[in-house]
């Protein structure tokens, strides 16, 4: 592999870090086209994954918050108020649930996949 096609992981990581921080000062001056392409792909893959996870988290909150409360509800209260059938979808979104909701889900239904 020629130097222009060689991909150094540390250079790719530095480019992704510069893109993430929107700090061009962190861009390596000696990055090859292959490294820039690899960094771009990695950056967009991570961005898409983060967006997908945020979408999953939003959907989990939509399922959990079925009504308004006068006082902040407990996890138990939120689960008590769940409409029928939503527990299956919450199980599918288990990894996107906040830690307290995961604990309450596990207490009531067991950990998904176990």
N, C-alpha and C. Protein backbone atom coordinates (compact mmCIF):
# COMPACT_ATOMS: atom_id res chain seq x y z
N UNK A 1 0.85 -1.17 0.00
CA UNK A 1 0.00 0.00 0.00
C UNK A 1 0.90 1.23 0.00
N UNK A 2 0.62 2.19 -0.84
CA UNK A 2 1.43 3.40 -0.91
C UNK A 2 1.08 4.32 0.24
N UNK A 3 1.95 5.30 0.50
CA UNK A 3 1.71 6.23 1.60
C UNK A 3 0.42 7.02 1.41
N UNK A 4 0.03 7.30 0.17
CA UNK A 4 -1.19 8.07 -0.05
C UNK A 4 -2.45 7.24 0.20
N UNK A 5 -2.31 5.92 0.25
CA UNK A 5 -3.46 5.05 0.50
C UNK A 5 -3.44 4.44 1.90
N UNK A 6 -2.35 4.67 2.61
CA UNK A 6 -2.22 4.13 3.96
C UNK A 6 -3.13 4.90 4.92
N UNK A 7 -3.78 4.18 5.80
CA UNK A 7 -4.67 4.82 6.78
C UNK A 7 -4.10 4.60 8.16
N UNK A 8 -3.70 5.68 8.80
CA UNK A 8 -3.19 5.64 10.17
C UNK A 8 -4.36 5.93 11.12
N UNK A 9 -4.71 4.99 11.98
CA UNK A 9 -5.85 5.17 12.87
C UNK A 9 -5.76 6.43 13.73
N UNK A 10 -4.56 6.77 14.18
CA UNK A 10 -4.41 7.97 15.02
C UNK A 10 -4.72 9.24 14.24
N UNK A 11 -4.43 9.25 12.95
CA UNK A 11 -4.74 10.41 12.11
C UNK A 11 -6.25 10.48 11.88
N UNK A 12 -6.85 9.35 11.60
CA UNK A 12 -8.31 9.31 11.42
C UNK A 12 -8.99 9.80 12.70
N UNK A 13 -8.55 9.32 13.86
CA UNK A 13 -9.13 9.76 15.14
C UNK A 13 -8.95 11.26 15.35
N UNK A 14 -7.79 11.79 14.98
CA UNK A 14 -7.54 13.23 15.13
C UNK A 14 -8.46 14.05 14.24
N UNK A 15 -8.69 13.57 13.03
CA UNK A 15 -9.60 14.28 12.11
C UNK A 15 -11.03 14.25 12.66
N UNK A 16 -11.47 13.08 13.12
CA UNK A 16 -12.82 12.96 13.68
C UNK A 16 -12.96 13.85 14.90
N UNK A 17 -11.95 13.90 15.75
CA UNK A 17 -11.99 14.77 16.93
C UNK A 17 -12.09 16.23 16.52
N UNK A 18 -11.35 16.62 15.50
CA UNK A 18 -11.41 18.01 15.02
C UNK A 18 -12.78 18.32 14.44
N UNK A 19 -13.36 17.38 13.72
CA UNK A 19 -14.70 17.58 13.16
C UNK A 19 -15.74 17.66 14.27
N UNK A 20 -15.62 16.80 15.25
CA UNK A 20 -16.57 16.77 16.36
C UNK A 20 -16.50 18.06 17.17
N UNK A 21 -15.30 18.54 17.41
CA UNK A 21 -15.10 19.76 18.20
C UNK A 21 -15.22 21.02 17.35
N UNK A 22 -15.43 20.84 16.06
CA UNK A 22 -15.42 21.94 15.10
C UNK A 22 -14.21 22.85 15.32
N UNK A 23 -13.05 22.20 15.46
CA UNK A 23 -11.79 22.91 15.69
C UNK A 23 -10.79 22.52 14.61
N UNK A 24 -10.68 23.34 13.56
CA UNK A 24 -9.76 22.99 12.47
C UNK A 24 -8.30 22.96 12.90
N UNK A 25 -7.99 23.51 14.05
CA UNK A 25 -6.60 23.48 14.53
C UNK A 25 -6.15 22.04 14.79
N UNK A 26 -7.06 21.14 15.05
CA UNK A 26 -6.72 19.76 15.32
C UNK A 26 -6.55 18.89 14.08
N UNK A 27 -6.77 19.47 12.92
CA UNK A 27 -6.63 18.69 11.68
C UNK A 27 -5.16 18.45 11.37
N UNK A 28 -4.77 17.19 11.20
CA UNK A 28 -3.38 16.89 10.87
C UNK A 28 -3.04 17.37 9.45
N UNK A 29 -1.95 18.07 9.32
CA UNK A 29 -1.55 18.63 8.03
C UNK A 29 -1.12 17.55 7.04
N UNK A 30 -0.66 16.41 7.56
CA UNK A 30 -0.13 15.38 6.68
C UNK A 30 -1.13 14.25 6.39
N UNK A 31 -2.41 14.50 6.64
CA UNK A 31 -3.43 13.46 6.41
C UNK A 31 -3.53 13.15 4.93
N UNK A 32 -3.63 11.87 4.64
CA UNK A 32 -3.77 11.43 3.25
C UNK A 32 -5.25 11.49 2.85
N UNK A 33 -5.51 11.39 1.58
CA UNK A 33 -6.91 11.36 1.08
C UNK A 33 -7.63 10.16 1.68
N UNK A 34 -6.99 9.02 1.76
CA UNK A 34 -7.61 7.83 2.33
C UNK A 34 -7.97 8.05 3.80
N UNK A 35 -7.10 8.73 4.54
CA UNK A 35 -7.38 9.01 5.95
C UNK A 35 -8.54 10.00 6.09
N UNK A 36 -8.57 11.00 5.24
CA UNK A 36 -9.67 11.96 5.27
C UNK A 36 -10.99 11.27 4.93
N UNK A 37 -10.97 10.40 3.94
CA UNK A 37 -12.17 9.65 3.57
C UNK A 37 -12.63 8.74 4.71
N UNK A 38 -11.69 8.05 5.33
CA UNK A 38 -12.02 7.16 6.45
C UNK A 38 -12.60 7.95 7.61
N UNK A 39 -12.02 9.12 7.89
CA UNK A 39 -12.50 9.97 8.98
C UNK A 39 -13.91 10.48 8.69
N UNK A 40 -14.14 10.89 7.45
CA UNK A 40 -15.47 11.37 7.06
C UNK A 40 -16.50 10.26 7.25
N UNK A 41 -16.18 9.06 6.79
CA UNK A 41 -17.10 7.93 6.94
C UNK A 41 -17.38 7.63 8.41
N UNK A 42 -16.33 7.63 9.23
CA UNK A 42 -16.48 7.35 10.66
C UNK A 42 -17.31 8.44 11.33
N UNK A 43 -17.05 9.69 11.00
CA UNK A 43 -17.79 10.82 11.58
C UNK A 43 -19.28 10.71 11.25
N UNK A 44 -19.60 10.45 9.98
CA UNK A 44 -21.00 10.35 9.58
C UNK A 44 -21.67 9.12 10.18
N UNK A 45 -20.94 8.03 10.30
CA UNK A 45 -21.49 6.82 10.92
C UNK A 45 -21.83 7.08 12.38
N UNK A 46 -20.92 7.73 13.09
CA UNK A 46 -21.17 8.05 14.50
C UNK A 46 -22.33 9.02 14.65
N UNK A 47 -22.39 10.02 13.76
CA UNK A 47 -23.46 11.00 13.82
C UNK A 47 -24.81 10.33 13.60
N UNK A 48 -24.89 9.45 12.62
CA UNK A 48 -26.14 8.72 12.35
C UNK A 48 -26.52 7.83 13.53
N UNK A 49 -25.54 7.17 14.13
CA UNK A 49 -25.81 6.30 15.27
C UNK A 49 -26.32 7.11 16.46
N UNK A 50 -25.72 8.28 16.69
CA UNK A 50 -26.17 9.13 17.79
C UNK A 50 -27.58 9.62 17.55
N UNK A 51 -27.88 9.99 16.31
CA UNK A 51 -29.22 10.46 15.97
C UNK A 51 -30.24 9.33 16.17
N UNK A 52 -29.89 8.13 15.74
CA UNK A 52 -30.79 6.99 15.92
C UNK A 52 -31.03 6.72 17.40
N UNK A 53 -29.99 6.82 18.21
CA UNK A 53 -30.14 6.61 19.65
C UNK A 53 -31.01 7.70 20.27
N UNK A 54 -30.83 8.95 19.84
CA UNK A 54 -31.69 10.03 20.35
C UNK A 54 -33.14 9.79 19.96
N UNK A 55 -33.37 9.31 18.74
CA UNK A 55 -34.73 9.01 18.31
C UNK A 55 -35.34 7.92 19.19
N UNK A 56 -34.54 6.91 19.51
CA UNK A 56 -35.01 5.82 20.38
C UNK A 56 -35.31 6.35 21.78
N UNK A 57 -34.46 7.25 22.28
CA UNK A 57 -34.69 7.82 23.60
C UNK A 57 -35.96 8.67 23.61
N UNK A 58 -36.17 9.44 22.55
CA UNK A 58 -37.39 10.25 22.46
C UNK A 58 -38.63 9.37 22.45
N UNK A 59 -38.58 8.29 21.68
CA UNK A 59 -39.73 7.37 21.63
C UNK A 59 -39.97 6.74 23.00
N UNK A 60 -38.91 6.38 23.71
CA UNK A 60 -39.07 5.80 25.05
C UNK A 60 -39.77 6.80 25.97
N UNK A 61 -39.35 8.06 25.94
CA UNK A 61 -40.00 9.07 26.77
C UNK A 61 -41.46 9.28 26.38
N UNK A 62 -41.76 9.23 25.08
CA UNK A 62 -43.16 9.34 24.64
C UNK A 62 -44.01 8.24 25.25
N UNK A 63 -43.47 7.05 25.32
CA UNK A 63 -44.21 5.93 25.91
C UNK A 63 -44.35 6.07 27.41
N UNK A 64 -43.30 6.57 28.05
CA UNK A 64 -43.32 6.68 29.52
C UNK A 64 -44.20 7.81 30.01
N UNK A 65 -44.20 8.92 29.31
CA UNK A 65 -44.95 10.10 29.77
C UNK A 65 -46.31 10.14 29.08
N UNK A 66 -47.23 9.39 29.64
CA UNK A 66 -48.54 9.26 29.03
C UNK A 66 -49.52 10.34 29.47
N UNK A 67 -49.17 11.06 30.51
CA UNK A 67 -50.04 12.14 31.00
C UNK A 67 -49.19 13.13 31.78
N UNK A 68 -49.80 14.25 32.15
CA UNK A 68 -49.07 15.23 32.96
C UNK A 68 -49.29 14.90 34.44
N UNK A 69 -48.35 15.34 35.25
CA UNK A 69 -48.38 15.07 36.68
C UNK A 69 -48.23 16.38 37.44
N UNK A 70 -48.91 16.48 38.59
CA UNK A 70 -48.77 17.67 39.43
C UNK A 70 -47.40 17.71 40.10
N UNK A 71 -46.93 16.55 40.50
CA UNK A 71 -45.62 16.40 41.13
C UNK A 71 -44.77 15.50 40.24
N UNK A 72 -43.45 15.61 40.32
CA UNK A 72 -42.62 14.70 39.53
C UNK A 72 -42.95 13.24 39.89
N UNK A 73 -43.26 12.43 38.88
CA UNK A 73 -43.64 11.04 39.16
C UNK A 73 -42.43 10.17 39.45
N UNK A 74 -42.69 9.08 40.15
CA UNK A 74 -41.65 8.07 40.36
C UNK A 74 -41.64 7.16 39.14
N UNK A 75 -40.59 6.36 39.02
CA UNK A 75 -40.55 5.39 37.93
C UNK A 75 -41.72 4.40 38.07
N UNK A 76 -42.00 4.01 39.31
CA UNK A 76 -43.11 3.07 39.54
C UNK A 76 -44.42 3.68 39.07
N UNK A 77 -44.63 4.95 39.36
CA UNK A 77 -45.85 5.63 38.94
C UNK A 77 -45.95 5.69 37.41
N UNK A 78 -44.84 6.00 36.76
CA UNK A 78 -44.85 6.03 35.30
C UNK A 78 -45.21 4.67 34.71
N UNK A 79 -44.66 3.62 35.28
CA UNK A 79 -44.95 2.28 34.80
C UNK A 79 -46.38 1.85 35.15
N UNK A 80 -46.90 2.32 36.28
CA UNK A 80 -48.28 2.02 36.64
C UNK A 80 -49.25 2.62 35.62
N UNK A 81 -48.88 3.75 35.05
CA UNK A 81 -49.76 4.48 34.13
C UNK A 81 -49.59 4.10 32.67
N UNK A 82 -48.72 3.14 32.38
CA UNK A 82 -48.50 2.75 30.98
C UNK A 82 -49.75 2.13 30.38
N UNK A 83 -50.06 2.52 29.15
CA UNK A 83 -51.18 1.87 28.47
C UNK A 83 -50.84 0.43 28.10
N UNK A 84 -51.85 -0.39 27.98
CA UNK A 84 -51.64 -1.80 27.62
C UNK A 84 -50.87 -1.88 26.30
N UNK A 85 -49.95 -2.78 26.24
CA UNK A 85 -49.19 -3.02 25.02
C UNK A 85 -47.91 -2.21 24.88
N UNK A 86 -47.75 -1.17 25.66
CA UNK A 86 -46.55 -0.36 25.50
C UNK A 86 -45.33 -1.00 26.13
N UNK A 87 -45.52 -1.95 27.02
CA UNK A 87 -44.37 -2.59 27.66
C UNK A 87 -43.53 -3.38 26.66
N UNK A 88 -44.16 -3.93 25.65
CA UNK A 88 -43.41 -4.67 24.62
C UNK A 88 -42.47 -3.72 23.89
N UNK A 89 -43.00 -2.57 23.49
CA UNK A 89 -42.15 -1.61 22.79
C UNK A 89 -41.07 -1.05 23.72
N UNK A 90 -41.41 -0.82 24.98
CA UNK A 90 -40.38 -0.36 25.93
C UNK A 90 -39.27 -1.39 26.06
N UNK A 91 -39.62 -2.66 26.04
CA UNK A 91 -38.61 -3.71 26.08
C UNK A 91 -37.68 -3.63 24.88
N UNK A 92 -38.23 -3.29 23.72
CA UNK A 92 -37.42 -3.15 22.51
C UNK A 92 -36.53 -1.91 22.58
N UNK A 93 -36.94 -0.94 23.39
CA UNK A 93 -36.18 0.31 23.56
C UNK A 93 -35.37 0.31 24.86
N UNK A 94 -35.24 -0.84 25.48
CA UNK A 94 -34.62 -0.95 26.80
C UNK A 94 -33.28 -0.23 26.89
N UNK A 95 -32.42 -0.38 25.88
CA UNK A 95 -31.10 0.25 25.92
C UNK A 95 -31.18 1.77 25.86
N UNK A 96 -32.31 2.32 25.41
CA UNK A 96 -32.47 3.77 25.31
C UNK A 96 -33.16 4.36 26.54
N UNK A 97 -33.62 3.50 27.44
CA UNK A 97 -34.29 3.97 28.65
C UNK A 97 -33.29 4.55 29.64
N UNK A 98 -33.69 5.57 30.40
CA UNK A 98 -32.83 6.04 31.50
C UNK A 98 -32.63 4.91 32.51
N UNK A 99 -31.58 4.99 33.29
CA UNK A 99 -31.22 3.93 34.24
C UNK A 99 -32.37 3.60 35.18
N UNK A 100 -33.07 4.60 35.68
CA UNK A 100 -34.19 4.34 36.60
C UNK A 100 -35.32 3.58 35.93
N UNK A 101 -35.59 3.90 34.68
CA UNK A 101 -36.63 3.19 33.93
C UNK A 101 -36.19 1.76 33.61
N UNK A 102 -34.91 1.59 33.33
CA UNK A 102 -34.40 0.23 33.10
C UNK A 102 -34.58 -0.61 34.35
N UNK A 103 -34.24 -0.03 35.50
CA UNK A 103 -34.36 -0.77 36.76
C UNK A 103 -35.82 -1.14 37.04
N UNK A 104 -36.74 -0.21 36.81
CA UNK A 104 -38.15 -0.49 37.05
C UNK A 104 -38.68 -1.51 36.06
N UNK A 105 -38.27 -1.41 34.81
CA UNK A 105 -38.67 -2.40 33.80
C UNK A 105 -38.20 -3.79 34.21
N UNK A 106 -36.93 -3.87 34.60
CA UNK A 106 -36.35 -5.16 35.01
C UNK A 106 -37.07 -5.71 36.24
N UNK A 107 -37.37 -4.84 37.19
CA UNK A 107 -38.08 -5.28 38.40
C UNK A 107 -39.44 -5.87 38.06
N UNK A 108 -40.14 -5.25 37.12
CA UNK A 108 -41.49 -5.69 36.78
C UNK A 108 -41.52 -6.86 35.79
N UNK A 109 -40.67 -6.79 34.78
CA UNK A 109 -40.79 -7.72 33.67
C UNK A 109 -39.56 -8.57 33.42
N UNK A 110 -38.48 -8.30 34.13
CA UNK A 110 -37.21 -8.98 33.87
C UNK A 110 -36.46 -8.25 32.76
N UNK A 111 -35.20 -8.51 32.68
CA UNK A 111 -34.39 -7.86 31.63
C UNK A 111 -34.76 -8.47 30.28
N UNK A 112 -34.93 -7.63 29.26
CA UNK A 112 -35.25 -8.16 27.93
C UNK A 112 -34.16 -9.11 27.45
N UNK A 113 -34.58 -10.17 26.80
CA UNK A 113 -33.63 -11.13 26.24
C UNK A 113 -33.08 -12.13 27.23
N UNK A 114 -33.56 -12.09 28.48
CA UNK A 114 -33.06 -13.07 29.45
C UNK A 114 -34.07 -14.12 29.75
